Amino acid sequence: MKRILYNNLLKWKSDNNRKPLLLQGARQVGKTYLVNEFGKNEYSVYIYLNFEQEPKLKSLF
């Protein structure tokens, strides 16, 4: 499952018309782990925003 989801992220990354990525889902299923691993492996710099921990960030969007 992890490899399938990671491959989906790779497809998203290669899309020239991609939009910002928003991950939603049940608690404790590996969303944060997956996106952090993807960010570390695929980008030299990445930003992780958690709207639950920092509700004020919602005003940016």
PDB file of N, CA and C in Angstrom:
ATOM      1  N   MET A   1       0.830  -1.190   0.000  1.00  0.00           N
ATOM      2  CA  MET A   1       0.000   0.000   0.000  1.00  0.00           C
ATOM      3  C   MET A   1       0.873   1.252   0.000  1.00  0.00           C
ATOM      4  N   LYS A   2       1.913   1.255   0.846  1.00  0.00           N
ATOM      5  CA  LYS A   2       2.779   2.428   0.939  1.00  0.00           C
ATOM      6  C   LYS A   2       3.396   2.762  -0.421  1.00  0.00           C
ATOM      7  N   ARG A   3       3.844   1.751  -1.143  1.00  0.00           N
ATOM      8  CA  ARG A   3       4.466   1.979  -2.445  1.00  0.00           C
ATOM      9  C   ARG A   3       3.460   2.554  -3.432  1.00  0.00           C
ATOM     10  N   ILE A   4       2.221   2.091  -3.401  1.00  0.00           N
ATOM     11  CA  ILE A   4       1.181   2.614  -4.293  1.00  0.00           C
ATOM     12  C   ILE A   4       0.946   4.089  -4.007  1.00  0.00           C
ATOM     13  N   LEU A   5       0.806   4.433  -2.739  1.00  0.00           N
ATOM     14  CA  LEU A   5       0.578   5.830  -2.372  1.00  0.00           C
ATOM     15  C   LEU A   5       1.776   6.694  -2.732  1.00  0.00           C
ATOM     16  N   TYR A   6       2.972   6.188  -2.506  1.00  0.00           N
ATOM     17  CA  TYR A   6       4.183   6.931  -2.855  1.00  0.00           C
ATOM     18  C   TYR A   6       4.240   7.158  -4.361  1.00  0.00           C
ATOM     19  N   ASN A   7       3.896   6.140  -5.132  1.00  0.00           N
ATOM     20  CA  ASN A   7       3.869   6.288  -6.593  1.00  0.00           C
ATOM     21  C   ASN A   7       2.832   7.315  -7.025  1.00  0.00           C
ATOM     22  N   ASN A   8       1.706   7.383  -6.324  1.00  0.00           N
ATOM     23  CA  ASN A   8       0.708   8.419  -6.624  1.00  0.00           C
ATOM     24  C   ASN A   8       1.295   9.807  -6.384  1.00  0.00           C
ATOM     25  N   LEU A   9       2.074   9.952  -5.337  1.00  0.00           N
ATOM     26  CA  LEU A   9       2.725  11.234  -5.070  1.00  0.00           C
ATOM     27  C   LEU A   9       3.749  11.562  -6.154  1.00  0.00           C
ATOM     28  N   LEU A  10       4.462  10.563  -6.646  1.00  0.00           N
ATOM     29  CA  LEU A  10       5.411  10.793  -7.735  1.00  0.00           C
ATOM     30  C   LEU A  10       4.692  11.258  -9.001  1.00  0.00           C
ATOM     31  N   LYS A  11       3.531  10.678  -9.282  1.00  0.00           N
ATOM     32  CA  LYS A  11       2.733  11.123 -10.437  1.00  0.00           C
ATOM     33  C   LYS A  11       2.293  12.567 -10.246  1.00  0.00           C
ATOM     34  N   TRP A  12       1.853  12.909  -9.031  1.00  0.00           N
ATOM     35  CA  TRP A  12       1.450  14.280  -8.727  1.00  0.00           C
ATOM     36  C   TRP A  12       2.624  15.229  -8.962  1.00  0.00           C
ATOM     37  N   LYS A  13       3.804  14.834  -8.512  1.00  0.00           N
ATOM     38  CA  LYS A  13       4.991  15.681  -8.657  1.00  0.00           C
ATOM     39  C   LYS A  13       5.336  15.918 -10.123  1.00  0.00           C
ATOM     40  N   SER A  14       5.164  14.917 -10.959  1.00  0.00           N
ATOM     41  CA  SER A  14       5.551  15.040 -12.368  1.00  0.00           C
ATOM     42  C   SER A  14       4.511  15.758 -13.224  1.00  0.00           C
ATOM     43  N   ASP A  15       3.336  16.020 -12.680  1.00  0.00           N
ATOM     44  CA  ASP A  15       2.278  16.716 -13.423  1.00  0.00           C
ATOM     45  C   ASP A  15       2.594  18.211 -13.489  1.00  0.00           C
ATOM     46  N   ASN A  16       2.762  18.736 -14.696  1.00  0.00           N
ATOM     47  CA  ASN A  16       3.083  20.156 -14.865  1.00  0.00           C
ATOM     48  C   ASN A  16       1.951  21.073 -14.428  1.00  0.00           C
ATOM     49  N   ASN A  17       0.738  20.565 -14.357  1.00  0.00           N
ATOM     50  CA  ASN A  17      -0.425  21.364 -13.956  1.00  0.00           C
ATOM     51  C   ASN A  17      -0.886  21.036 -12.539  1.00  0.00           C
ATOM     52  N   ARG A  18       0.011  20.540 -11.714  1.00  0.00           N
ATOM     53  CA  ARG A  18      -0.382  20.113 -10.364  1.00  0.00           C
ATOM     54  C   ARG A  18      -0.805  21.298  -9.503  1.00  0.00           C
ATOM     55  N   LYS A  19      -1.661  21.000  -8.572  1.00  0.00           N
ATOM     56  CA  LYS A  19      -2.151  21.962  -7.583  1.00  0.00           C
ATOM     57  C   LYS A  19      -1.504  21.620  -6.239  1.00  0.00           C
ATOM     58  N   PRO A  20      -1.612  22.496  -5.248  1.00  0.00           N
ATOM     59  CA  PRO A  20      -1.076  22.147  -3.924  1.00  0.00           C
ATOM     60  C   PRO A  20      -1.692  20.843  -3.416  1.00  0.00           C
ATOM     61  N   LEU A  21      -0.913  20.114  -2.684  1.00  0.00           N
ATOM     62  CA  LEU A  21      -1.335  18.809  -2.186  1.00  0.00           C
ATOM     63  C   LEU A  21      -1.998  18.955  -0.826  1.00  0.00           C
ATOM     64  N   LEU A  22      -3.158  18.355  -0.682  1.00  0.00           N
ATOM     65  CA  LEU A  22      -3.870  18.329   0.594  1.00  0.00           C
ATOM     66  C   LEU A  22      -4.162  16.875   0.923  1.00  0.00           C
ATOM     67  N   LEU A  23      -3.650  16.407   2.048  1.00  0.00           N
ATOM     68  CA  LEU A  23      -3.891  15.029   2.472  1.00  0.00           C
ATOM     69  C   LEU A  23      -4.953  15.012   3.546  1.00  0.00           C
ATOM     70  N   GLN A  24      -5.946  14.169   3.354  1.00  0.00           N
ATOM     71  CA  GLN A  24      -6.994  13.975   4.344  1.00  0.00           C
ATOM     72  C   GLN A  24      -7.182  12.487   4.550  1.00  0.00           C
ATOM     73  N   GLY A  25      -7.652  12.113   5.714  1.00  0.00           N
ATOM     74  CA  GLY A  25      -7.925  10.712   5.971  1.00  0.00           C
ATOM     75  C   GLY A  25      -8.046  10.445   7.456  1.00  0.00           C
ATOM     76  N   ALA A  26      -8.281   9.193   7.756  1.00  0.00           N
ATOM     77  CA  ALA A  26      -8.435   8.769   9.148  1.00  0.00           C
ATOM     78  C   ALA A  26      -7.156   9.026   9.936  1.00  0.00           C
ATOM     79  N   ARG A  27      -7.317   9.114  11.226  1.00  0.00           N
ATOM     80  CA  ARG A  27      -6.163   9.329  12.105  1.00  0.00           C
ATOM     81  C   ARG A  27      -5.287   8.082  12.160  1.00  0.00           C
ATOM     82  N   GLN A  28      -3.992   8.326  12.313  1.00  0.00           N
ATOM     83  CA  GLN A  28      -3.034   7.262  12.601  1.00  0.00           C
ATOM     84  C   GLN A  28      -2.894   6.220  11.495  1.00  0.00           C
ATOM     85  N   VAL A  29      -2.993   6.652  10.240  1.00  0.00           N
ATOM     86  CA  VAL A  29      -2.835   5.698   9.137  1.00  0.00           C
ATOM     87  C   VAL A  29      -1.547   5.921   8.348  1.00  0.00           C
ATOM     88  N   GLY A  30      -0.747   6.935   8.733  1.00  0.00           N
ATOM     89  CA  GLY A  30       0.545   7.139   8.088  1.00  0.00           C
ATOM     90  C   GLY A  30       0.623   8.313   7.132  1.00  0.00           C
ATOM     91  N   LYS A  31      -0.346   9.215   7.166  1.00  0.00           N
ATOM     92  CA  LYS A  31      -0.334  10.370   6.252  1.00  0.00           C
ATOM     93  C   LYS A  31       0.901  11.240   6.477  1.00  0.00           C
ATOM     94  N   THR A  32       1.155  11.584   7.719  1.00  0.00           N
ATOM     95  CA  THR A  32       2.295  12.452   8.032  1.00  0.00           C
ATOM     96  C   THR A  32       3.602  11.764   7.677  1.00  0.00           C
ATOM     97  N   TYR A  33       3.717  10.512   8.029  1.00  0.00           N
ATOM     98  CA  TYR A  33       4.932   9.760   7.703  1.00  0.00           C
ATOM     99  C   TYR A  33       5.161   9.749   6.196  1.00  0.00           C
ATOM    100  N   LEU A  34       4.124   9.436   5.435  1.00  0.00           N
ATOM    101  CA  LEU A  34       4.242   9.343   3.984  1.00  0.00           C
ATOM    102  C   LEU A  34       4.673  10.671   3.374  1.00  0.00           C
ATOM    103  N   VAL A  35       4.010  11.750   3.748  1.00  0.00           N
ATOM    104  CA  VAL A  35       4.325  13.042   3.137  1.00  0.00           C
ATOM    105  C   VAL A  35       5.704  13.534   3.579  1.00  0.00           C
ATOM    106  N   ASN A  36       6.102  13.266   4.801  1.00  0.00           N
ATOM    107  CA  ASN A  36       7.444  13.665   5.239  1.00  0.00           C
ATOM    108  C   ASN A  36       8.528  12.862   4.531  1.00  0.00           C
ATOM    109  N   GLU A  37       8.330  11.582   4.367  1.00  0.00           N
ATOM    110  CA  GLU A  37       9.289  10.767   3.623  1.00  0.00           C
ATOM    111  C   GLU A  37       9.377  11.225   2.170  1.00  0.00           C
ATOM    112  N   PHE A  38       8.236  11.504   1.573  1.00  0.00           N
ATOM    113  CA  PHE A  38       8.206  11.985   0.194  1.00  0.00           C
ATOM    114  C   PHE A  38       8.953  13.315   0.088  1.00  0.00           C
ATOM    115  N   GLY A  39       8.689  14.226   0.993  1.00  0.00           N
ATOM    116  CA  GLY A  39       9.363  15.517   0.976  1.00  0.00           C
ATOM    117  C   GLY A  39      10.870  15.384   1.120  1.00  0.00           C
ATOM    118  N   LYS A  40      11.306  14.559   2.048  1.00  0.00           N
ATOM    119  CA  LYS A  40      12.744  14.361   2.276  1.00  0.00           C
ATOM    120  C   LYS A  40      13.431  13.727   1.075  1.00  0.00           C
ATOM    121  N   ASN A  41      12.751  12.762   0.451  1.00  0.00           N
ATOM    122  CA  ASN A  41      13.363  12.011  -0.643  1.00  0.00           C
ATOM    123  C   ASN A  41      13.295  12.717  -1.989  1.00  0.00           C
ATOM    124  N   GLU A  42      12.279  13.524  -2.207  1.00  0.00           N
ATOM    125  CA  GLU A  42      12.033  14.059  -3.547  1.00  0.00           C
ATOM    126  C   GLU A  42      12.352  15.542  -3.709  1.00  0.00           C
ATOM    127  N   TYR A  43      12.591  16.255  -2.625  1.00  0.00           N
ATOM    128  CA  TYR A  43      12.844  17.696  -2.693  1.00  0.00           C
ATOM    129  C   TYR A  43      14.026  18.055  -1.798  1.00  0.00           C
ATOM    130  N   SER A  44      14.764  19.071  -2.199  1.00  0.00           N
ATOM    131  CA  SER A  44      15.858  19.535  -1.343  1.00  0.00           C
ATOM    132  C   SER A  44      15.305  20.342  -0.166  1.00  0.00           C
ATOM    133  N   VAL A  45      14.152  21.000  -0.369  1.00  0.00           N
ATOM    134  CA  VAL A  45      13.478  21.773   0.675  1.00  0.00           C
ATOM    135  C   VAL A  45      11.981  21.517   0.551  1.00  0.00           C
ATOM    136  N   TYR A  46      11.311  21.293   1.653  1.00  0.00           N
ATOM    137  CA  TYR A  46       9.856  21.150   1.626  1.00  0.00           C
ATOM    138  C   TYR A  46       9.275  21.777   2.882  1.00  0.00           C
ATOM    139  N   ILE A  47       8.000  22.142   2.814  1.00  0.00           N
ATOM    140  CA  ILE A  47       7.305  22.771   3.934  1.00  0.00           C
ATOM    141  C   ILE A  47       6.118  21.900   4.310  1.00  0.00           C
ATOM    142  N   TYR A  48       5.977  21.616   5.575  1.00  0.00           N
ATOM    143  CA  TYR A  48       4.862  20.823   6.091  1.00  0.00           C
ATOM    144  C   TYR A  48       4.004  21.734   6.955  1.00  0.00           C
ATOM    145  N   LEU A  49       2.744  21.887   6.599  1.00  0.00           N
ATOM    146  CA  LEU A  49       1.810  22.711   7.357  1.00  0.00           C
ATOM    147  C   LEU A  49       0.764  21.809   7.997  1.00  0.00           C
ATOM    148  N   ASN A  50       0.554  21.967   9.292  1.00  0.00           N
ATOM    149  CA  ASN A  50      -0.454  21.190   9.997  1.00  0.00           C
ATOM    150  C   ASN A  50      -1.501  22.158  10.528  1.00  0.00           C
ATOM    151  N   PHE A  51      -2.671  22.171   9.889  1.00  0.00           N
ATOM    152  CA  PHE A  51      -3.725  23.110  10.249  1.00  0.00           C
ATOM    153  C   PHE A  51      -4.362  22.789  11.601  1.00  0.00           C
ATOM    154  N   GLU A  52      -4.247  21.560  12.063  1.00  0.00           N
ATOM    155  CA  GLU A  52      -4.794  21.224  13.377  1.00  0.00           C
ATOM    156  C   GLU A  52      -3.916  21.786  14.487  1.00  0.00           C
ATOM    157  N   GLN A  53      -2.616  21.738  14.303  1.00  0.00           N
ATOM    158  CA  GLN A  53      -1.707  22.267  15.323  1.00  0.00           C
ATOM    159  C   GLN A  53      -1.587  23.786  15.253  1.00  0.00           C
ATOM    160  N   GLU A  54      -1.758  24.352  14.060  1.00  0.00           N
ATOM    161  CA  GLU A  54      -1.634  25.800  13.854  1.00  0.00           C
ATOM    162  C   GLU A  54      -2.847  26.319  13.082  1.00  0.00           C
ATOM    163  N   PRO A  55      -4.000  26.459  13.731  1.00  0.00           N
ATOM    164  CA  PRO A  55      -5.224  26.886  13.040  1.00  0.00           C
ATOM    165  C   PRO A  55      -5.092  28.228  12.313  1.00  0.00           C
ATOM    166  N   LYS A  56      -4.208  29.102  12.768  1.00  0.00           N
ATOM    167  CA  LYS A  56      -4.035  30.407  12.120  1.00  0.00           C
ATOM    168  C   LYS A  56      -3.525  30.278  10.684  1.00  0.00           C
ATOM    169  N   LEU A  57      -2.894  29.162  10.361  1.00  0.00           N
ATOM    170  CA  LEU A  57      -2.392  28.954   9.005  1.00  0.00           C
ATOM    171  C   LEU A  57      -3.519  28.900   7.979  1.00  0.00           C
ATOM    172  N   LYS A  58      -4.715  28.529   8.410  1.00  0.00           N
ATOM    173  CA  LYS A  58      -5.852  28.434   7.490  1.00  0.00           C
ATOM    174  C   LYS A  58      -6.112  29.759   6.791  1.00  0.00           C
ATOM    175  N   SER A  59      -5.811  30.862   7.454  1.00  0.00           N
ATOM    176  CA  SER A  59      -6.066  32.173   6.855  1.00  0.00           C
ATOM    177  C   SER A  59      -5.169  32.432   5.645  1.00  0.00           C
ATOM    178  N   LEU A  60      -4.090  31.684   5.507  1.00  0.00           N
ATOM    179  CA  LEU A  60      -3.216  31.837   4.344  1.00  0.00           C
ATOM    180  C   LEU A  60      -3.868  31.307   3.074  1.00  0.00           C
ATOM    181  N   PHE A  61      -4.846  30.437   3.241  1.00  0.00           N
ATOM    182  CA  PHE A  61      -5.486  29.806   2.104  1.00  0.00           C
ATOM    183  C   PHE A  61      -6.914  30.248   2.053  1.00  0.00           C
TER     184      PHE A  61
END
